[in-house]
Amino acid sequence: MAELFGHGPRTDRTARSFNEPMCAFMDRSGDPFFAGVRDLMAGWLGHVPSDHVADLRHRLQSKDGAQFESAFWELYLHEAYLRSGYRLTIHPALTGTRHRPDFLIEDGDTRFYLEAVGACAPAGRASENRRLEEARRILAEVGAERHLLDMATYQVGQRPLPVKALRRDLREWLSTLDVQVDRRTAAAGGVIARRSWRHDGWRLEFTAQPLRSEHAGAGLPLVRGHLRMGWGHDASRILGALNEKANRYGALEAPLVIAVLSNSEFRTEDIDVERALFGALIGRRPGPEPPRPGQLLEPGHWCTKAGWRRAHIPQVIAIQDLYPWTVTKAQPRLWATLEPGARAPAQPSWLARVQVSGAAPTPGPADSLADLFDLPADWPPDEPHFVTRPRTATL
């Protein structure tokens, strides 16, 4: 049996804390919501051939959130294709290279390689993300007294956040605000006050709102919301993930399909994926003819100023907002190159095929994911509790 979680009763129902590894949180949580999620993941891992379980389990249990997400994406694809009747070979050996794609998938005359990648979480940002999450965790422990703050992060420093300096600056700033005046301003729909903060490579901005009188002493956190600015460039991040894998395996005797997971902080839209695949076009949608000079502002995975490319990767699967509790709701899309003569493998009907010739990219119908995974249509029935643990610190 593929052991992923521990056994025994779970009584801890406190919510996930900042920087807590996702698998560790689900393992300790006594929230009934996660019992079903644990069973789902353990069951899927049990369908993986035994000689590949240890590596996948190690990455699912990783402290790195990007590792967890990419490992779960592989587990999802393995389960989905397995239930669709395909034969899967994990990490098949290739001639002329030591690199191995994630899967070789076969069914009758259909044969293709499948590579799963994560976008919007570059490996180089792992340490930066950890510093930001630690800063968020510390600030989440600061209790509100008269105001609540929203925090926007524009730049993360190379060293940990100087918390003492930030607390001192916020305390001095908030002491200058008149809560009664601020409440009248807020009632009229105005913005109360903003404070930019730069120190040691960090660039943050705080927006204040007055704490309602009935919430005074309720233990609310001072910083109620966080935004990571500059995360709206999903198209370039997706293209970067595709480019990294495009020629990794050399010449293959079967098509290569790349499956991209984009769990960005701001939801990835179909238009972002279209731009990554076909480039930034002016005045038209993608079509079978390459764009004329001046119509292509930025190259895409399949389309450049020189014309079509990468016919050996005729399809891309894209999904956003996929987590263990959204497997019946997150809809994977199937995108196909428009290059004439490109040979595309047959794909299962739970993939929504995207049409790009209309006014906007439009996903077509797809089979129920709940039926595919043999889950109730409303699974899971409740919402997970992801708020951070109680705050006790003061400014």
Protein backbone atom coordinates (compact mmCIF):
# COMPACT_ATOMS: atom_id res chain seq x y z
CA MET A 1 0.00 0.00 0.00
CA ALA A 2 1.26 3.47 -0.93
CA GLU A 3 1.45 5.22 2.43
CA LEU A 4 1.08 8.99 2.04
CA PHE A 5 -0.59 9.97 5.31
CA GLY A 6 -0.38 8.68 8.86
CA HIS A 7 -3.01 6.74 10.78
CA GLY A 8 -4.91 7.26 14.00
CA PRO A 9 -7.37 9.87 15.23
CA ARG A 10 -6.92 13.53 14.32
CA THR A 11 -8.20 16.14 16.74
CA ASP A 12 -6.34 19.25 15.55
CA ARG A 13 -8.81 21.42 13.61
CA THR A 14 -6.74 24.58 13.57
CA ALA A 15 -6.35 25.94 10.09
CA ARG A 16 -3.22 25.86 8.00
CA SER A 17 -0.53 28.28 9.09
CA PHE A 18 1.68 30.27 6.75
CA ASN A 19 4.50 28.25 5.21
CA GLU A 20 3.05 24.97 6.52
CA PRO A 21 3.60 22.28 3.87
CA MET A 22 0.29 21.32 2.27
CA CYS A 23 0.69 17.56 2.72
CA ALA A 24 1.73 17.97 6.37
CA PHE A 25 -1.27 20.18 7.03
CA MET A 26 -3.70 17.71 5.46
CA ASP A 27 -2.09 14.89 7.42
CA ARG A 28 -2.59 16.55 10.81
CA SER A 29 -5.96 18.20 10.17
CA GLY A 30 -8.98 16.84 12.00
CA ASP A 31 -11.32 18.83 9.74
CA PRO A 32 -13.72 16.25 8.21
CA PHE A 33 -13.27 17.97 4.84
CA PHE A 34 -9.73 16.63 4.51
CA ALA A 35 -10.61 13.03 5.35
CA GLY A 36 -12.06 12.60 1.87
CA VAL A 37 -9.15 14.45 0.27
CA ARG A 38 -6.65 12.18 2.01
CA ASP A 39 -8.53 9.08 0.85
CA LEU A 40 -8.59 10.38 -2.72
CA MET A 41 -4.85 11.11 -2.86
CA ALA A 42 -3.85 7.87 -1.14
CA GLY A 43 -6.09 5.89 -3.48
CA TRP A 44 -4.62 7.52 -6.57
CA LEU A 45 -1.07 6.98 -5.34
CA GLY A 46 -1.95 3.33 -4.80
CA HIS A 47 -2.57 3.01 -8.55
CA VAL A 48 0.99 4.13 -9.36
CA PRO A 49 3.46 1.27 -10.05
CA SER A 50 5.36 0.48 -6.86
CA ASP A 51 8.80 1.37 -8.22
CA HIS A 52 7.66 4.97 -8.85
CA VAL A 53 5.73 5.57 -5.63
CA ALA A 54 8.65 6.68 -3.46
CA ASP A 55 9.68 9.57 -5.74
CA LEU A 56 6.14 10.84 -6.19
CA ARG A 57 5.37 10.54 -2.48
CA HIS A 58 8.57 12.42 -1.61
CA ARG A 59 7.55 15.34 -3.82
CA LEU A 60 3.97 15.34 -2.55
CA GLN A 61 5.35 15.60 0.99
CA SER A 62 7.81 18.34 0.02
CA LYS A 63 7.99 21.59 1.97
CA ASP A 64 8.10 23.38 -1.40
CA GLY A 65 4.58 24.25 -2.53
CA ALA A 66 5.58 24.18 -6.21
CA GLN A 67 6.91 20.63 -5.79
CA PHE A 68 3.65 19.54 -4.19
CA GLU A 69 1.56 21.07 -6.99
CA SER A 70 3.64 19.61 -9.81
CA ALA A 71 3.63 16.16 -8.18
CA PHE A 72 -0.12 16.27 -7.74
CA TRP A 73 -0.52 17.33 -11.38
CA GLU A 74 1.40 14.21 -12.43
CA LEU A 75 -0.71 12.08 -10.10
CA TYR A 76 -3.90 13.62 -11.56
CA LEU A 77 -2.82 12.91 -15.15
CA HIS A 78 -1.78 9.36 -14.31
CA GLU A 79 -5.15 8.64 -12.72
CA ALA A 80 -7.19 10.34 -15.46
CA TYR A 81 -5.51 8.53 -18.36
CA LEU A 82 -5.51 5.23 -16.45
CA ARG A 83 -9.27 5.49 -15.89
CA SER A 84 -9.70 6.34 -19.58
CA GLY A 85 -8.24 2.98 -20.59
CA TYR A 86 -4.79 4.11 -21.72
CA ARG A 87 -1.57 2.22 -20.99
CA LEU A 88 0.99 4.36 -19.17
CA THR A 89 4.73 3.90 -18.88
CA ILE A 90 6.28 6.21 -16.30
CA HIS A 91 9.61 7.82 -17.21
CA PRO A 92 10.22 5.76 -20.37
CA ALA A 93 13.83 5.47 -21.53
CA LEU A 94 14.74 7.28 -24.76
CA THR A 95 17.49 6.67 -27.26
CA GLY A 96 20.31 9.20 -27.32
CA THR A 97 19.47 11.08 -24.11
CA ARG A 98 19.46 10.47 -20.39
CA HIS A 99 16.38 12.66 -20.01
CA ARG A 100 13.05 10.93 -19.59
CA PRO A 101 9.57 12.40 -20.09
CA ASP A 102 6.95 11.81 -17.43
CA PHE A 103 4.81 9.35 -19.38
CA LEU A 104 4.51 7.29 -22.52
CA ILE A 105 0.79 6.89 -23.22
CA GLU A 106 -0.63 4.25 -25.56
CA ASP A 107 -4.03 3.04 -26.69
CA GLY A 108 -4.38 1.06 -29.91
CA ASP A 109 -2.83 3.13 -32.69
CA THR A 110 -2.43 6.12 -30.36
CA ARG A 111 1.03 6.66 -28.95
CA PHE A 112 2.50 9.85 -27.49
CA TYR A 113 4.75 11.16 -24.77
CA LEU A 114 3.32 13.38 -22.05
CA GLU A 115 5.33 15.88 -20.02
CA ALA A 116 3.74 17.62 -17.01
CA VAL A 117 5.06 21.06 -16.05
CA GLY A 118 4.13 23.81 -13.65
CA ALA A 119 4.00 27.45 -14.70
CA CYS A 120 3.90 30.65 -12.62
CA ALA A 121 6.26 29.20 -10.00
CA PRO A 122 9.81 29.48 -11.38
CA ALA A 123 12.35 27.45 -9.43
CA GLY A 124 14.49 30.54 -8.94
CA ARG A 125 11.71 32.14 -6.93
CA ALA A 126 11.46 29.38 -4.33
CA SER A 127 13.66 31.10 -1.73
CA GLU A 128 12.03 34.47 -2.50
CA ASN A 129 8.59 32.95 -1.99
CA ARG A 130 9.66 31.47 1.32
CA ARG A 131 10.85 34.87 2.55
CA LEU A 132 7.57 36.45 1.50
CA GLU A 133 5.48 33.74 3.15
CA GLU A 134 7.49 34.10 6.35
CA ALA A 135 6.86 37.86 6.27
CA ARG A 136 3.14 37.21 5.78
CA ARG A 137 3.13 34.74 8.65
CA ILE A 138 4.75 37.24 11.01
CA LEU A 139 2.43 40.06 10.00
CA ALA A 140 -0.61 37.77 10.35
CA GLU A 141 0.24 37.44 14.03
CA VAL A 142 -0.07 41.19 14.61
CA GLY A 143 -3.46 42.14 16.06
CA ALA A 144 -5.53 45.09 14.85
CA GLU A 145 -6.35 47.91 17.25
CA ARG A 146 -7.94 50.80 15.33
CA HIS A 147 -7.24 50.05 11.67
CA LEU A 148 -6.96 47.15 9.24
CA LEU A 149 -4.33 47.06 6.52
CA ASP A 150 -4.11 45.59 3.04
CA MET A 151 -0.56 44.83 1.92
CA ALA A 152 0.75 44.82 -1.65
CA THR A 153 4.22 43.39 -2.31
CA TYR A 154 6.12 44.92 -5.21
CA GLN A 155 9.59 43.60 -4.42
CA VAL A 156 11.00 40.97 -2.05
CA GLY A 157 14.41 41.57 -0.52
CA GLN A 158 17.32 39.16 -0.65
CA ARG A 159 17.28 38.86 3.15
CA PRO A 160 14.43 38.23 5.62
CA LEU A 161 12.00 41.07 6.24
CA PRO A 162 13.28 43.47 8.95
CA VAL A 163 10.19 43.01 11.08
CA LYS A 164 11.17 45.33 13.94
CA ALA A 165 11.75 48.24 11.57
CA LEU A 166 8.47 47.61 9.77
CA ARG A 167 6.44 47.35 12.98
CA ARG A 168 7.97 50.55 14.29
CA ASP A 169 7.18 52.41 11.07
CA LEU A 170 3.60 51.09 10.91
CA ARG A 171 3.01 51.95 14.56
CA GLU A 172 4.18 55.53 14.04
CA TRP A 173 2.09 55.91 10.87
CA LEU A 174 -1.10 54.50 12.35
CA SER A 175 -0.77 56.74 15.40
CA THR A 176 -1.19 59.77 13.13
CA LEU A 177 -4.53 58.58 11.72
CA ASP A 178 -7.83 59.78 13.22
CA VAL A 179 -10.14 56.79 13.34
CA GLN A 180 -13.32 58.90 13.53
CA VAL A 181 -12.38 60.92 10.47
CA ASP A 182 -11.32 57.74 8.71
CA ARG A 183 -14.70 56.09 9.38
CA ARG A 184 -16.52 59.01 7.79
CA THR A 185 -14.18 58.88 4.81
CA ALA A 186 -14.68 55.14 4.44
CA ALA A 187 -18.45 55.52 4.65
CA ALA A 188 -18.25 57.98 1.75
CA GLY A 189 -16.29 55.45 -0.29
CA GLY A 190 -12.92 57.15 -0.03
CA VAL A 191 -9.46 55.67 0.47
CA ILE A 192 -8.17 56.40 3.95
CA ALA A 193 -4.40 56.42 3.69
CA ARG A 194 -1.54 54.67 1.94
CA ARG A 195 1.96 54.07 3.15
CA SER A 196 4.86 52.98 0.92
CA TRP A 197 7.65 51.15 2.71
CA ARG A 198 11.10 50.41 1.30
CA HIS A 199 13.91 48.83 3.23
CA ASP A 200 16.81 46.50 2.40
CA GLY A 201 15.43 45.51 -1.00
CA TRP A 202 11.82 45.15 0.16
CA ARG A 203 9.13 47.33 -1.41
CA LEU A 204 5.69 47.15 0.21
CA GLU A 205 2.59 49.31 0.19
CA PHE A 206 -0.08 49.40 2.89
CA THR A 207 -3.62 50.73 2.61
CA ALA A 208 -5.50 51.50 5.83
CA GLN A 209 -9.18 51.15 6.64
CA PRO A 210 -10.72 51.98 10.04
CA LEU A 211 -11.69 49.07 12.22
CA ARG A 212 -15.43 49.07 12.88
CA SER A 213 -16.24 49.68 16.51
CA GLU A 214 -18.06 46.36 16.92
CA HIS A 215 -14.88 44.55 15.85
CA ALA A 216 -12.63 46.22 18.39
CA GLY A 217 -11.04 43.63 20.66
CA ALA A 218 -12.16 40.76 18.41
CA GLY A 219 -8.58 39.65 17.74
CA LEU A 220 -8.65 40.46 14.03
CA PRO A 221 -5.27 40.51 12.26
CA LEU A 222 -3.86 43.89 11.41
CA VAL A 223 -3.06 42.83 7.82
CA ARG A 224 -6.24 41.34 6.38
CA GLY A 225 -5.20 40.90 2.74
CA HIS A 226 -2.04 40.35 0.71
CA LEU A 227 -1.43 40.93 -2.99
CA ARG A 228 1.69 39.91 -4.89
CA MET A 229 2.08 42.54 -7.57
CA GLY A 230 3.59 41.65 -10.94
CA TRP A 231 1.99 38.20 -11.10
CA GLY A 232 -0.30 39.06 -13.99
CA HIS A 233 2.18 37.92 -16.67
CA ASP A 234 0.88 34.37 -16.88
CA ALA A 235 1.33 34.13 -20.66
CA SER A 236 5.09 34.71 -20.45
CA ARG A 237 5.41 32.27 -17.56
CA ILE A 238 3.48 29.57 -19.42
CA LEU A 239 5.59 30.16 -22.52
CA GLY A 240 8.74 29.88 -20.42
CA ALA A 241 7.59 26.52 -19.03
CA LEU A 242 6.83 25.27 -22.55
CA ASN A 243 10.13 26.51 -23.95
CA GLU A 244 12.03 24.68 -21.22
CA LYS A 245 10.59 21.33 -22.33
CA ALA A 246 10.17 21.88 -26.07
CA ASN A 247 13.50 20.38 -27.21
CA ARG A 248 14.57 18.58 -24.06
CA TYR A 249 14.17 15.08 -25.50
CA GLY A 250 15.50 15.54 -29.03
CA ALA A 251 13.85 13.83 -31.97
CA LEU A 252 11.08 11.50 -30.82
CA GLU A 253 9.37 8.76 -32.82
CA ALA A 254 5.97 9.83 -31.39
CA PRO A 255 4.39 13.23 -30.65
CA LEU A 256 5.16 15.04 -27.41
CA VAL A 257 2.24 16.60 -25.52
CA ILE A 258 3.01 19.10 -22.76
CA ALA A 259 0.54 19.48 -19.88
CA VAL A 260 0.82 22.84 -18.11
CA LEU A 261 -0.52 23.58 -14.63
CA SER A 262 -0.94 27.28 -13.85
CA ASN A 263 -1.97 27.90 -10.25
CA SER A 264 -1.15 31.60 -10.31
CA GLU A 265 -2.06 34.05 -7.57
CA PHE A 266 -4.37 35.80 -10.02
CA ARG A 267 -6.43 33.31 -12.01
CA THR A 268 -4.97 32.32 -15.36
CA GLU A 269 -7.45 32.87 -18.20
CA ASP A 270 -7.79 31.08 -21.54
CA ILE A 271 -6.58 34.22 -23.29
CA ASP A 272 -3.29 33.94 -21.36
CA VAL A 273 -2.79 30.39 -22.63
CA GLU A 274 -3.72 31.40 -26.18
CA ARG A 275 -1.14 34.19 -26.10
CA ALA A 276 1.53 31.82 -24.84
CA LEU A 277 0.78 29.34 -27.62
CA PHE A 278 0.11 31.58 -30.61
CA GLY A 279 1.83 34.81 -29.60
CA ALA A 280 0.54 38.32 -29.08
CA LEU A 281 -1.47 39.05 -32.22
CA ILE A 282 -2.89 42.34 -33.47
CA GLY A 283 -6.19 42.50 -35.26
CA ARG A 284 -7.15 38.84 -35.50
CA ARG A 285 -7.46 35.43 -33.86
CA PRO A 286 -5.05 32.58 -34.59
CA GLY A 287 -5.61 30.90 -37.93
CA PRO A 288 -3.97 28.29 -40.17
CA GLU A 289 -1.93 30.97 -41.94
CA PRO A 290 0.98 32.51 -40.00
CA PRO A 291 0.50 36.20 -39.15
CA ARG A 292 1.75 38.81 -41.57
CA PRO A 293 4.63 41.12 -40.58
CA GLY A 294 3.47 43.59 -37.96
CA GLN A 295 0.62 41.41 -36.70
CA LEU A 296 2.78 39.48 -34.24
CA LEU A 297 4.02 41.55 -31.31
CA GLU A 298 5.48 38.62 -29.35
CA PRO A 299 6.27 35.08 -30.45
CA GLY A 300 4.35 32.13 -29.07
CA HIS A 301 5.11 28.48 -28.49
CA TRP A 302 3.82 27.52 -31.94
CA CYS A 303 3.98 30.76 -33.90
CA THR A 304 6.82 33.19 -34.62
CA LYS A 305 7.59 35.84 -37.24
CA ALA A 306 9.26 33.08 -39.24
CA GLY A 307 6.05 31.01 -39.26
CA TRP A 308 4.97 27.80 -37.57
CA ARG A 309 7.27 25.73 -35.40
CA ARG A 310 7.26 22.75 -33.02
CA ALA A 311 4.98 20.46 -34.97
CA HIS A 312 6.46 17.65 -32.83
CA ILE A 313 4.41 19.14 -29.96
CA PRO A 314 0.99 19.24 -31.65
CA GLN A 315 -1.03 19.58 -28.46
CA VAL A 316 -0.83 21.34 -25.11
CA ILE A 317 -3.04 20.52 -22.13
CA ALA A 318 -3.62 23.45 -19.78
CA ILE A 319 -5.36 23.66 -16.44
CA GLN A 320 -5.60 26.33 -13.75
CA ASP A 321 -6.60 26.30 -10.09
CA LEU A 322 -6.08 22.56 -9.69
CA TYR A 323 -5.80 21.29 -6.10
CA PRO A 324 -6.79 17.96 -4.52
CA TRP A 325 -10.17 19.45 -3.56
CA THR A 326 -10.94 20.90 -7.03
CA VAL A 327 -10.48 17.76 -9.17
CA THR A 328 -14.16 17.75 -10.19
CA LYS A 329 -14.26 21.50 -10.86
CA ALA A 330 -10.95 22.47 -12.52
CA GLN A 331 -11.45 21.78 -16.23
CA PRO A 332 -8.39 20.76 -18.27
CA ARG A 333 -8.29 22.24 -21.78
CA LEU A 334 -6.83 20.68 -24.91
CA TRP A 335 -5.12 23.12 -27.29
CA ALA A 336 -3.91 22.09 -30.74
CA THR A 337 -1.53 23.72 -33.18
CA LEU A 338 -3.06 25.05 -36.39
CA GLU A 339 -0.01 24.16 -38.44
CA PRO A 340 -1.12 22.22 -41.53
CA GLY A 341 0.07 18.62 -41.50
CA ALA A 342 0.83 18.43 -37.76
CA ARG A 343 0.05 14.94 -36.45
CA ALA A 344 -2.03 15.04 -33.26
CA PRO A 345 -2.80 11.96 -31.14
CA ALA A 346 -6.32 10.96 -30.11
CA GLN A 347 -7.21 12.31 -26.68
CA PRO A 348 -9.90 11.36 -24.13
CA SER A 349 -13.19 13.22 -24.02
CA TRP A 350 -12.71 14.66 -20.50
CA LEU A 351 -10.43 17.23 -22.13
CA ALA A 352 -12.29 20.34 -23.33
CA ARG A 353 -11.06 21.08 -26.85
CA VAL A 354 -10.48 24.80 -27.35
CA GLN A 355 -11.61 26.62 -30.49
CA VAL A 356 -9.51 29.67 -31.32
CA SER A 357 -11.05 30.89 -34.56
CA GLY A 358 -13.86 32.94 -33.00
CA ALA A 359 -13.95 36.21 -31.11
CA ALA A 360 -12.29 34.57 -28.09
CA PRO A 361 -10.84 31.15 -27.22
CA THR A 362 -13.80 28.91 -26.42
CA PRO A 363 -13.58 25.51 -24.68
CA GLY A 364 -15.92 22.90 -26.08
CA PRO A 365 -17.92 20.29 -24.17
CA ALA A 366 -16.17 17.65 -22.09
CA ASP A 367 -17.16 14.58 -20.11
CA SER A 368 -17.82 14.94 -16.39
CA LEU A 369 -14.70 14.80 -14.26
CA ALA A 370 -16.80 13.61 -11.33
CA ASP A 371 -17.86 10.62 -13.42
CA LEU A 372 -14.29 10.03 -14.55
CA PHE A 373 -13.00 9.88 -10.96
CA ASP A 374 -16.13 8.15 -9.63
CA LEU A 375 -16.93 11.02 -7.26
CA PRO A 376 -20.21 12.76 -6.38
CA ALA A 377 -21.00 15.77 -8.55
CA ASP A 378 -20.79 18.04 -5.48
CA TRP A 379 -17.49 16.58 -4.23
CA PRO A 380 -16.24 17.79 -1.86
CA PRO A 381 -19.47 19.01 -0.23
CA ASP A 382 -17.84 21.63 2.02
CA GLU A 383 -15.19 24.31 1.70
CA PRO A 384 -11.72 23.81 3.20
CA HIS A 385 -10.64 25.98 6.09
CA PHE A 386 -7.40 27.67 5.07
CA VAL A 387 -7.38 30.79 7.26
CA THR A 388 -4.31 31.11 9.39
CA ARG A 389 -4.16 30.19 13.04
CA PRO A 390 -5.28 32.62 15.78
CA ARG A 391 -3.21 35.83 16.05
CA THR A 392 -1.79 36.81 19.38
CA ALA A 393 0.98 39.31 18.77
CA THR A 394 0.56 43.08 18.93
CA LEU A 395 2.11 45.86 16.93
